[in-house]
C-alpha atoms as a PDB file:
ATOM      1  CA  UNK A   1      14.825 -15.157 -25.082  1.00  0.00           C
ATOM      2  CA  UNK A   2      16.024 -12.932 -22.198  1.00  0.00           C
ATOM      3  CA  UNK A   3      18.183 -14.549 -19.611  1.00  0.00           C
ATOM      4  CA  UNK A   4      18.630 -13.516 -15.967  1.00  0.00           C
ATOM      5  CA  UNK A   5      21.513 -15.243 -14.207  1.00  0.00           C
ATOM      6  CA  UNK A   6      21.421 -18.039 -16.785  1.00  0.00           C
ATOM      7  CA  UNK A   7      17.694 -18.757 -16.340  1.00  0.00           C
ATOM      8  CA  UNK A   8      14.749 -17.744 -18.461  1.00  0.00           C
ATOM      9  CA  UNK A   9      13.308 -14.440 -17.289  1.00  0.00           C
ATOM     10  CA  UNK A  10       9.939 -15.873 -16.180  1.00  0.00           C
ATOM     11  CA  UNK A  11      11.674 -18.273 -13.776  1.00  0.00           C
ATOM     12  CA  UNK A  12      13.712 -15.425 -12.313  1.00  0.00           C
ATOM     13  CA  UNK A  13      10.554 -13.358 -11.850  1.00  0.00           C
ATOM     14  CA  UNK A  14       8.826 -16.262 -10.136  1.00  0.00           C
ATOM     15  CA  UNK A  15      11.734 -16.585  -7.711  1.00  0.00           C
ATOM     16  CA  UNK A  16      11.670 -12.846  -6.986  1.00  0.00           C
ATOM     17  CA  UNK A  17       7.927 -12.990  -6.401  1.00  0.00           C
ATOM     18  CA  UNK A  18       8.353 -16.002  -4.076  1.00  0.00           C
ATOM     19  CA  UNK A  19      10.959 -14.087  -2.067  1.00  0.00           C
ATOM     20  CA  UNK A  20       8.685 -11.053  -1.832  1.00  0.00           C
ATOM     21  CA  UNK A  21       5.788 -13.164  -0.580  1.00  0.00           C
ATOM     22  CA  UNK A  22       8.020 -14.934   1.951  1.00  0.00           C
ATOM     23  CA  UNK A  23       9.338 -11.583   3.174  1.00  0.00           C
ATOM     24  CA  UNK A  24       5.813 -10.194   3.522  1.00  0.00           C
ATOM     25  CA  UNK A  25       4.761 -13.231   5.583  1.00  0.00           C
ATOM     26  CA  UNK A  26       7.769 -12.783   7.875  1.00  0.00           C
ATOM     27  CA  UNK A  27       7.123  -9.056   8.260  1.00  0.00           C
ATOM     28  CA  UNK A  28       3.465  -9.721   9.106  1.00  0.00           C
ATOM     29  CA  UNK A  29       4.522 -12.223  11.767  1.00  0.00           C
ATOM     30  CA  UNK A  30       7.050  -9.787  13.246  1.00  0.00           C
ATOM     31  CA  UNK A  31       4.396  -7.047  13.321  1.00  0.00           C
ATOM     32  CA  UNK A  32       2.043  -9.308  15.258  1.00  0.00           C
ATOM     33  CA  UNK A  33       4.778 -10.064  17.787  1.00  0.00           C
ATOM     34  CA  UNK A  34       5.572  -6.362  18.125  1.00  0.00           C
ATOM     35  CA  UNK A  35       1.900  -5.463  18.640  1.00  0.00           C
ATOM     36  CA  UNK A  36       1.634  -7.935  21.502  1.00  0.00           C
ATOM     37  CA  UNK A  37       4.985  -7.284  23.150  1.00  0.00           C
ATOM     38  CA  UNK A  38       5.417  -3.520  22.757  1.00  0.00           C
ATOM     39  CA  UNK A  39       2.482  -1.466  21.475  1.00  0.00           C
ATOM     40  CA  UNK A  40       4.409   1.822  21.839  1.00  0.00           C
ATOM     41  CA  UNK A  41       7.227   0.552  19.625  1.00  0.00           C
ATOM     42  CA  UNK A  42       4.622  -0.689  17.155  1.00  0.00           C
ATOM     43  CA  UNK A  43       3.119   2.812  16.890  1.00  0.00           C
ATOM     44  CA  UNK A  44       6.613   4.215  16.215  1.00  0.00           C
ATOM     45  CA  UNK A  45       7.118   1.500  13.608  1.00  0.00           C
ATOM     46  CA  UNK A  46       3.868   2.457  11.861  1.00  0.00           C
ATOM     47  CA  UNK A  47       4.914   6.109  11.806  1.00  0.00           C
ATOM     48  CA  UNK A  48       8.248   5.165  10.277  1.00  0.00           C
ATOM     49  CA  UNK A  49       6.534   3.044   7.612  1.00  0.00           C
ATOM     50  CA  UNK A  50       4.220   5.933   6.705  1.00  0.00           C
ATOM     51  CA  UNK A  51       7.187   8.302   6.376  1.00  0.00           C
ATOM     52  CA  UNK A  52       9.074   5.842   4.181  1.00  0.00           C
ATOM     53  CA  UNK A  53       6.038   5.338   1.959  1.00  0.00           C
ATOM     54  CA  UNK A  54       5.721   9.096   1.496  1.00  0.00           C
ATOM     55  CA  UNK A  55       9.434   9.328   0.626  1.00  0.00           C
ATOM     56  CA  UNK A  56       9.091   6.471  -1.852  1.00  0.00           C
ATOM     57  CA  UNK A  57       6.097   8.106  -3.497  1.00  0.00           C
ATOM     58  CA  UNK A  58       8.006  11.371  -3.850  1.00  0.00           C
ATOM     59  CA  UNK A  59      11.048   9.604  -5.328  1.00  0.00           C
ATOM     60  CA  UNK A  60       8.958   7.617  -7.820  1.00  0.00           C
ATOM     61  CA  UNK A  61       7.116  10.757  -8.887  1.00  0.00           C
ATOM     62  CA  UNK A  62      10.447  12.556  -9.345  1.00  0.00           C
ATOM     63  CA  UNK A  63      11.816   9.749 -11.498  1.00  0.00           C
ATOM     64  CA  UNK A  64       8.655   9.472 -13.593  1.00  0.00           C
ATOM     65  CA  UNK A  65       8.515  13.206 -14.250  1.00  0.00           C
ATOM     66  CA  UNK A  66      12.236  13.423 -15.026  1.00  0.00           C
ATOM     67  CA  UNK A  67      12.990  15.885 -12.245  1.00  0.00           C
ATOM     68  CA  UNK A  68      16.125  15.815 -10.154  1.00  0.00           C
END
């Protein structure tokens, strides 16, 4: 059986998933605060997120096609 940090792999994956969900909840809460306190900054934030998603997509495609 695979081990990750001395624990069975499924338990490690569950912990990673839990952390991802917790992070998403925190990010959602921070976004709501930003929307209400500074809509201009929120629009900049959304633009940054879109740019990062495009960069990520390009990087994943490059890795999957074996380029670079």
